[in-house]
């Protein structure tokens, strides 16, 4: 039965700086029932941390994203933008997602691997490793930006523009609600102009294909088309650009782990999977789901209309699923982590992100086997955690 705490506890738990996993999650996990949390904005919510509870909330049709539009959704920032794929339920979500999903299948992504490997090499060729350099600006950001621009048909020359808009999308409290809305309106205007350009001069990229579905098959309305394109552009580069330096920090702080991928490049896919499991990307949980009806999560009865926030990071360290969950063990028995989510909203670009992360780490380990971290400047007031700038270098002895 429910015995909720007298008042919700403040959330999120993780600090914005660094990649640490808060000890408070262990206390939460030791309780037989879910706890109530209060995020900086919005109403209180239940917090799901157990692996099975998280998977249930993310995949069970009794939980809804669309209902959040009718509530003061728990969130990290004042601004709200309840549109796009992440705010939809089936059948609209299924219809819209299916149109883009074919671009990101594992088979199609694998065909891109040689081109991405060549891009990795080209970017690394441009780096002067005889002196310290910023891994984010020189490599981690331009790699996924160029890849997603090529896929979508977005001019790479416009990257500074959409990078600014992307930062606004991922910002928590650095923008007022009015500033956030103005930035998103500018982003959407840019995308409408780009879509119009594709209408006049079609190409083989994703935006043209989506536009064709819009005009010939009436499977997208104008707003859905713009939202889908802006969402893919942001999601297609933001998390990968953040996780590349996150993974480098994690590995270089454990030199034996970095040495492993230097000496055994074939281990990189397994290392990436374990990094996706153990490195928490965000400070807190994901977007809230709302119960359509009364649902039991373990020993807690979540009432219809209640919000539930899921912690991917905590689920990925559930000791009932992952033996010695705080240990970094790429050789652990295969068990699906939920680093890319689960259910209908499973990350659309998961295969692309995996491939880019693998090629990025493989290229860096091959080119800079003695890489060391000189300085890290962490992002602040963002939905994701990671270095804003990561200054790295090679020891003088390694330079010969």
Protein backbone atom coordinates (compact mmCIF):
# COMPACT_ATOMS: atom_id res chain seq x y z
CA UNK A 1 0.00 0.00 0.00
CA UNK A 2 1.05 3.63 -0.48
CA UNK A 3 2.66 5.54 2.35
CA UNK A 4 3.81 8.65 0.50
CA UNK A 5 6.25 11.01 2.16
CA UNK A 6 4.75 14.08 3.83
CA UNK A 7 6.21 16.31 1.16
CA UNK A 8 8.03 15.67 -2.14
CA UNK A 9 11.82 15.76 -2.12
CA UNK A 10 13.69 18.17 -4.36
CA UNK A 11 14.85 16.72 -7.66
CA UNK A 12 17.13 16.19 -9.63
CA UNK A 13 19.81 14.51 -7.53
CA UNK A 14 22.85 14.52 -9.83
CA UNK A 15 25.10 17.58 -9.97
CA UNK A 16 25.41 19.48 -13.26
CA UNK A 17 29.21 19.41 -13.10
CA UNK A 18 30.92 16.07 -13.63
CA UNK A 19 29.60 12.63 -14.45
CA UNK A 20 28.88 11.38 -10.96
CA UNK A 21 25.90 9.27 -9.98
CA UNK A 22 24.21 10.58 -6.84
CA UNK A 23 24.29 8.40 -3.75
CA UNK A 24 20.70 9.47 -3.09
CA UNK A 25 19.50 7.01 -5.71
CA UNK A 26 20.75 4.16 -3.55
CA UNK A 27 18.63 5.40 -0.67
CA UNK A 28 15.61 5.65 -2.96
CA UNK A 29 16.22 2.13 -4.27
CA UNK A 30 16.26 0.74 -0.74
CA UNK A 31 12.66 1.86 -0.17
CA UNK A 32 9.85 -0.57 -0.94
CA UNK A 33 7.78 2.11 -2.64
CA UNK A 34 8.30 4.97 -5.08
CA UNK A 35 9.02 8.41 -3.66
CA UNK A 36 7.44 11.71 -4.58
CA UNK A 37 9.69 14.36 -6.10
CA UNK A 38 9.42 18.05 -6.87
CA UNK A 39 11.32 19.36 -9.87
CA UNK A 40 12.14 23.09 -10.21
CA UNK A 41 8.93 23.68 -12.18
CA UNK A 42 5.58 21.95 -12.43
CA UNK A 43 3.64 19.62 -10.19
CA UNK A 44 4.97 16.81 -8.03
CA UNK A 45 5.59 13.38 -9.52
CA UNK A 46 6.47 9.82 -8.61
CA UNK A 47 10.09 8.82 -9.33
CA UNK A 48 10.65 5.42 -10.97
CA UNK A 49 14.20 4.08 -10.58
CA UNK A 50 13.93 0.28 -10.81
CA UNK A 51 14.72 -1.20 -14.21
CA UNK A 52 11.38 -2.97 -14.62
CA UNK A 53 9.39 0.03 -13.38
CA UNK A 54 11.17 2.34 -15.81
CA UNK A 55 10.60 -0.02 -18.74
CA UNK A 56 6.94 -0.30 -17.79
CA UNK A 57 6.38 3.46 -17.66
CA UNK A 58 8.18 3.96 -20.98
CA UNK A 59 6.37 1.20 -22.88
CA UNK A 60 2.98 0.56 -21.27
CA UNK A 61 0.09 2.28 -23.07
CA UNK A 62 -1.44 3.03 -19.67
CA UNK A 63 1.13 5.82 -19.43
CA UNK A 64 0.89 8.83 -21.73
CA UNK A 65 3.10 11.67 -22.93
CA UNK A 66 0.31 13.54 -24.70
CA UNK A 67 -1.67 13.99 -21.46
CA UNK A 68 1.17 16.19 -20.20
CA UNK A 69 -0.29 19.00 -22.32
CA UNK A 70 -3.22 19.18 -19.91
CA UNK A 71 -1.04 19.39 -16.79
CA UNK A 72 1.62 21.55 -15.24
CA UNK A 73 4.24 19.04 -16.29
CA UNK A 74 7.20 18.47 -13.91
CA UNK A 75 10.28 19.91 -15.62
CA UNK A 76 13.67 21.55 -15.19
CA UNK A 77 12.80 24.87 -16.85
CA UNK A 78 9.96 27.34 -16.83
CA UNK A 79 9.37 27.17 -20.59
CA UNK A 80 7.22 24.47 -22.16
CA UNK A 81 6.98 23.28 -25.75
CA UNK A 82 4.49 20.43 -25.86
CA UNK A 83 4.88 19.58 -29.52
CA UNK A 84 6.80 17.09 -31.61
CA UNK A 85 7.37 13.36 -31.39
CA UNK A 86 8.22 13.37 -27.69
CA UNK A 87 4.83 14.85 -26.87
CA UNK A 88 2.77 12.36 -28.89
CA UNK A 89 1.05 9.06 -28.19
CA UNK A 90 -0.09 6.45 -30.69
CA UNK A 91 -1.55 6.55 -33.27
CA UNK A 92 -0.18 10.00 -34.22
CA UNK A 93 3.24 9.17 -32.82
CA UNK A 94 3.36 5.91 -34.80
CA UNK A 95 2.33 7.63 -38.02
CA UNK A 96 4.87 10.46 -37.78
CA UNK A 97 7.78 8.40 -36.45
CA UNK A 98 7.41 5.74 -39.13
CA UNK A 99 8.12 8.31 -41.85
CA UNK A 100 11.59 9.07 -40.51
CA UNK A 101 12.46 5.70 -38.99
CA UNK A 102 13.45 4.09 -42.29
CA UNK A 103 16.40 6.48 -42.54
CA UNK A 104 17.82 5.29 -39.22
CA UNK A 105 17.55 1.51 -39.55
CA UNK A 106 20.64 -0.46 -38.57
CA UNK A 107 21.21 -1.59 -42.15
CA UNK A 108 21.11 1.92 -43.58
CA UNK A 109 23.31 3.25 -40.80
CA UNK A 110 25.93 0.56 -41.43
CA UNK A 111 26.14 1.72 -45.04
CA UNK A 112 27.14 5.13 -43.69
CA UNK A 113 29.97 3.75 -41.52
CA UNK A 114 32.76 4.07 -44.16
CA UNK A 115 31.83 7.70 -44.80
CA UNK A 116 31.73 8.46 -41.07
CA UNK A 117 35.10 6.73 -40.61
CA UNK A 118 36.54 8.92 -43.37
CA UNK A 119 35.06 12.02 -41.73
CA UNK A 120 36.61 11.04 -38.38
CA UNK A 121 39.99 10.70 -40.07
CA UNK A 122 39.61 14.03 -41.86
CA UNK A 123 38.72 15.89 -38.67
CA UNK A 124 41.62 14.30 -36.79
CA UNK A 125 43.98 15.19 -39.64
CA UNK A 126 43.18 18.87 -39.07
CA UNK A 127 44.19 18.76 -35.39
CA UNK A 128 47.65 19.94 -34.39
CA UNK A 129 48.36 17.51 -31.58
CA UNK A 130 51.72 19.08 -30.80
CA UNK A 131 49.85 21.49 -28.55
CA UNK A 132 46.73 21.25 -26.36
CA UNK A 133 43.44 21.40 -28.26
CA UNK A 134 39.72 21.53 -27.48
CA UNK A 135 38.30 18.13 -28.32
CA UNK A 136 34.73 19.50 -28.36
CA UNK A 137 35.26 22.27 -30.90
CA UNK A 138 37.77 20.37 -33.02
CA UNK A 139 36.08 16.98 -33.14
CA UNK A 140 33.15 16.02 -30.91
CA UNK A 141 30.80 18.71 -32.17
CA UNK A 142 31.61 18.90 -35.91
CA UNK A 143 31.43 15.12 -36.38
CA UNK A 144 27.73 14.54 -35.58
CA UNK A 145 26.77 17.96 -36.93
CA UNK A 146 28.16 17.15 -40.36
CA UNK A 147 26.61 13.70 -40.35
CA UNK A 148 23.09 14.84 -39.45
CA UNK A 149 23.30 17.80 -41.82
CA UNK A 150 24.18 15.46 -44.66
CA UNK A 151 21.32 13.11 -43.80
CA UNK A 152 18.73 15.84 -43.46
CA UNK A 153 19.97 18.08 -46.24
CA UNK A 154 20.81 21.02 -43.96
CA UNK A 155 23.68 23.34 -45.01
CA UNK A 156 26.63 22.75 -42.69
CA UNK A 157 27.43 26.43 -43.16
CA UNK A 158 24.34 27.18 -41.03
CA UNK A 159 25.66 25.16 -38.10
CA UNK A 160 26.31 28.20 -35.87
CA UNK A 161 22.69 29.24 -36.31
CA UNK A 162 21.08 25.94 -35.41
CA UNK A 163 23.67 25.31 -32.71
CA UNK A 164 22.41 28.42 -30.93
CA UNK A 165 18.81 27.25 -31.30
CA UNK A 166 19.78 23.76 -30.18
CA UNK A 167 21.40 25.17 -27.04
CA UNK A 168 18.13 26.94 -26.30
CA UNK A 169 16.19 23.68 -26.70
CA UNK A 170 18.51 21.97 -24.21
CA UNK A 171 18.70 24.91 -21.79
CA UNK A 172 17.08 24.75 -18.38
CA UNK A 173 17.17 28.08 -16.54
CA UNK A 174 19.52 30.21 -18.62
CA UNK A 175 16.60 31.54 -20.72
CA UNK A 176 13.31 33.04 -19.68
CA UNK A 177 10.17 31.45 -21.04
CA UNK A 178 9.79 34.37 -23.44
CA UNK A 179 13.39 34.05 -24.68
CA UNK A 180 12.96 30.32 -25.12
CA UNK A 181 9.78 30.78 -27.15
CA UNK A 182 11.36 33.47 -29.31
CA UNK A 183 14.36 31.23 -30.02
CA UNK A 184 12.13 28.31 -30.99
CA UNK A 185 10.04 30.53 -33.25
CA UNK A 186 13.24 31.58 -35.03
CA UNK A 187 14.32 27.94 -35.39
CA UNK A 188 10.95 26.98 -36.87
CA UNK A 189 11.05 29.90 -39.29
CA UNK A 190 14.47 28.76 -40.45
CA UNK A 191 13.21 25.21 -40.97
CA UNK A 192 10.16 26.44 -42.90
CA UNK A 193 12.46 28.39 -45.18
CA UNK A 194 14.66 25.33 -45.69
CA UNK A 195 11.63 23.16 -46.45
CA UNK A 196 10.48 25.71 -49.01
CA UNK A 197 13.94 25.62 -50.60
CA UNK A 198 13.70 21.82 -50.85
CA UNK A 199 10.28 22.21 -52.48
CA UNK A 200 11.85 24.37 -55.20
CA UNK A 201 15.01 22.28 -55.52
CA UNK A 202 14.49 18.69 -54.33
CA UNK A 203 17.42 16.46 -53.38
CA UNK A 204 17.91 12.96 -51.97
CA UNK A 205 18.05 14.00 -48.32
CA UNK A 206 15.52 13.25 -45.56
CA UNK A 207 13.76 16.63 -45.56
CA UNK A 208 12.86 16.24 -49.24
CA UNK A 209 11.51 12.75 -48.57
CA UNK A 210 9.38 13.99 -45.68
CA UNK A 211 8.16 16.88 -47.80
CA UNK A 212 7.11 14.41 -50.49
CA UNK A 213 5.09 12.44 -47.92
CA UNK A 214 3.53 15.70 -46.80
CA UNK A 215 2.49 16.82 -50.27
CA UNK A 216 1.72 13.55 -52.07
CA UNK A 217 0.39 11.29 -49.34
CA UNK A 218 -0.95 13.81 -46.82
CA UNK A 219 0.70 11.93 -43.97
CA UNK A 220 2.08 15.01 -42.20
CA UNK A 221 0.60 18.42 -41.59
CA UNK A 222 2.71 21.58 -41.77
CA UNK A 223 3.41 21.77 -38.05
CA UNK A 224 4.30 18.09 -37.79
CA UNK A 225 6.74 18.41 -40.68
CA UNK A 226 8.55 21.37 -39.11
CA UNK A 227 8.58 19.80 -35.65
CA UNK A 228 9.92 16.50 -36.95
CA UNK A 229 12.75 18.17 -38.89
CA UNK A 230 13.80 20.46 -36.04
CA UNK A 231 13.60 17.57 -33.56
CA UNK A 232 15.80 15.31 -35.68
CA UNK A 233 18.31 18.09 -36.26
CA UNK A 234 18.71 18.75 -32.53
CA UNK A 235 18.57 15.15 -31.32
CA UNK A 236 20.74 13.98 -34.21
CA UNK A 237 23.80 15.83 -33.01
CA UNK A 238 23.32 17.09 -29.44
CA UNK A 239 23.58 13.90 -27.41
CA UNK A 240 26.35 12.38 -29.54
CA UNK A 241 28.35 15.60 -29.41
CA UNK A 242 28.00 15.49 -25.62
CA UNK A 243 28.69 11.79 -25.12
CA UNK A 244 31.91 11.73 -27.15
CA UNK A 245 33.74 14.01 -24.68
CA UNK A 246 31.90 12.41 -21.75
CA UNK A 247 33.24 9.01 -22.77
CA UNK A 248 36.75 10.39 -23.29
CA UNK A 249 36.69 11.92 -19.80
CA UNK A 250 35.43 8.68 -18.28
CA UNK A 251 38.03 6.54 -20.02
CA UNK A 252 41.00 8.87 -19.56
CA UNK A 253 40.27 9.08 -15.84
CA UNK A 254 40.74 5.31 -15.90
CA UNK A 255 43.87 4.88 -18.04
CA UNK A 256 43.62 1.10 -18.09
CA UNK A 257 40.23 1.44 -19.81
CA UNK A 258 41.60 3.82 -22.41
CA UNK A 259 44.54 1.50 -22.95
CA UNK A 260 42.14 -1.35 -23.64
CA UNK A 261 40.59 0.29 -26.68
CA UNK A 262 44.03 1.46 -27.85
CA UNK A 263 45.33 -2.09 -27.79
CA UNK A 264 42.11 -3.84 -28.81
CA UNK A 265 40.02 -1.73 -31.23
CA UNK A 266 37.62 -4.64 -31.63
CA UNK A 267 36.51 -4.08 -28.04
CA UNK A 268 35.15 -0.63 -28.84
CA UNK A 269 31.49 -1.67 -29.44
CA UNK A 270 31.32 -3.43 -26.07
CA UNK A 271 33.02 -0.47 -24.37
CA UNK A 272 30.51 1.94 -25.92
CA UNK A 273 27.57 -0.15 -24.68
CA UNK A 274 28.94 -0.19 -21.15
CA UNK A 275 29.59 3.55 -21.29
CA UNK A 276 26.02 4.12 -22.44
CA UNK A 277 24.88 2.16 -19.41
CA UNK A 278 27.08 3.65 -16.73
CA UNK A 279 27.63 7.30 -17.72
CA UNK A 280 24.57 9.37 -16.73
CA UNK A 281 23.89 11.87 -19.49
CA UNK A 282 21.37 14.05 -17.69
CA UNK A 283 21.17 15.56 -14.24
CA UNK A 284 17.74 14.05 -13.69
CA UNK A 285 14.98 11.95 -15.17
CA UNK A 286 13.27 12.17 -18.50
CA UNK A 287 9.97 13.68 -19.59
CA UNK A 288 7.08 12.78 -17.32
CA UNK A 289 4.48 10.22 -18.29
CA UNK A 290 0.92 10.44 -16.96
CA UNK A 291 -1.11 7.48 -15.84
CA UNK A 292 -4.30 7.02 -17.87
CA UNK A 293 -5.70 4.76 -15.15
CA UNK A 294 -4.66 3.40 -11.77
CA UNK A 295 -1.45 1.40 -12.21
CA UNK A 296 0.62 -0.54 -9.70
CA UNK A 297 4.38 0.03 -9.98
CA UNK A 298 5.86 -2.44 -7.52
CA UNK A 299 4.28 -1.64 -4.17
CA UNK A 300 3.06 1.80 -5.23
CA UNK A 301 -0.37 2.55 -6.65
CA UNK A 302 -0.02 5.33 -9.19
CA UNK A 303 -3.41 6.96 -9.55
CA UNK A 304 -4.94 8.02 -12.87
CA UNK A 305 -3.67 11.52 -13.64
CA UNK A 306 -0.46 11.13 -11.61
CA UNK A 307 2.85 12.02 -13.23
CA UNK A 308 5.80 9.61 -13.18
CA UNK A 309 9.38 10.64 -13.93
CA UNK A 310 11.77 7.87 -14.93
CA UNK A 311 15.47 7.81 -14.10
CA UNK A 312 17.34 6.06 -16.90
CA UNK A 313 20.60 6.40 -14.98
CA UNK A 314 19.18 4.63 -11.93
CA UNK A 315 17.55 1.89 -14.02
CA UNK A 316 20.89 1.21 -15.68
CA UNK A 317 22.42 0.59 -12.25
CA UNK A 318 19.68 -1.64 -10.88
CA UNK A 319 21.50 -4.45 -8.98
CA UNK A 320 18.59 -6.80 -9.65
CA UNK A 321 19.48 -6.62 -13.35
CA UNK A 322 23.16 -5.70 -13.56
CA UNK A 323 25.62 -7.53 -11.33
CA UNK A 324 27.94 -5.08 -9.55
CA UNK A 325 26.18 -2.23 -11.36
CA UNK A 326 28.66 0.47 -10.36
CA UNK A 327 31.58 -1.41 -11.89
CA UNK A 328 32.61 -0.61 -15.44
CA UNK A 329 32.66 -4.02 -17.09
CA UNK A 330 32.43 -4.21 -20.90
CA UNK A 331 32.61 -7.99 -20.61
CA UNK A 332 29.49 -8.33 -18.48
CA UNK A 333 26.77 -10.66 -19.71
CA UNK A 334 24.64 -9.01 -22.34
CA UNK A 335 21.63 -7.28 -20.85
CA UNK A 336 19.86 -4.43 -22.61
CA UNK A 337 20.46 -1.09 -20.93
CA UNK A 338 17.90 1.68 -21.35
CA UNK A 339 20.38 4.40 -22.28
CA UNK A 340 18.39 5.09 -25.44
CA UNK A 341 15.05 4.76 -23.70
CA UNK A 342 12.51 2.01 -24.25
CA UNK A 343 9.18 1.46 -25.91
CA UNK A 344 7.54 3.65 -28.54
CA UNK A 345 9.83 6.59 -27.79
CA UNK A 346 13.04 4.57 -28.01
CA UNK A 347 15.65 6.89 -29.52
CA UNK A 348 14.99 7.17 -33.25
CA UNK A 349 18.69 7.61 -34.01
CA UNK A 350 20.09 4.98 -31.63
CA UNK A 351 21.83 3.02 -34.40
CA UNK A 352 23.37 6.17 -35.82
CA UNK A 353 24.55 7.35 -32.40
CA UNK A 354 26.10 3.97 -31.60
CA UNK A 355 27.97 3.92 -34.89
CA UNK A 356 29.24 7.49 -34.50
CA UNK A 357 30.39 6.86 -30.93
CA UNK A 358 32.19 3.69 -31.97
CA UNK A 359 33.98 5.36 -34.87
CA UNK A 360 34.84 8.41 -32.80
CA UNK A 361 36.45 6.40 -29.98
CA UNK A 362 38.19 4.06 -32.38
CA UNK A 363 39.65 6.98 -34.33
CA UNK A 364 40.76 8.88 -31.24
CA UNK A 365 42.38 5.83 -29.65
CA UNK A 366 44.25 5.04 -32.85
CA UNK A 367 45.45 8.58 -33.46
CA UNK A 368 46.06 9.70 -29.86
CA UNK A 369 46.91 6.60 -27.80
CA UNK A 370 48.48 8.68 -25.02
CA UNK A 371 45.73 11.29 -24.76
CA UNK A 372 45.53 13.13 -21.43
CA UNK A 373 43.01 15.61 -20.09
CA UNK A 374 44.33 19.06 -19.23
CA UNK A 375 41.13 20.91 -18.36
CA UNK A 376 37.35 20.48 -18.44
CA UNK A 377 34.83 23.31 -18.54
CA UNK A 378 31.41 21.81 -17.88
CA UNK A 379 28.11 22.91 -19.37
CA UNK A 380 25.80 24.74 -17.01
CA UNK A 381 22.01 24.95 -16.90
CA UNK A 382 21.45 22.34 -19.60
CA UNK A 383 19.31 19.22 -19.82
CA UNK A 384 22.39 17.13 -20.61
CA UNK A 385 25.71 17.01 -18.78
CA UNK A 386 29.03 17.20 -20.52
CA UNK A 387 32.06 19.33 -21.27
CA UNK A 388 31.47 22.68 -22.92
CA UNK A 389 35.20 22.63 -23.61
CA UNK A 390 37.57 19.71 -23.12
CA UNK A 391 41.24 20.60 -23.41
CA UNK A 392 43.39 17.55 -24.12
CA UNK A 393 47.00 16.96 -25.14
CA UNK A 394 49.62 14.31 -25.65
CA UNK A 395 52.66 13.95 -23.37
CA UNK A 396 55.87 15.41 -24.77
CA UNK A 397 57.48 11.97 -24.78
CA UNK A 398 54.63 10.63 -26.93
CA UNK A 399 55.21 13.40 -29.46
CA UNK A 400 58.77 12.28 -30.01
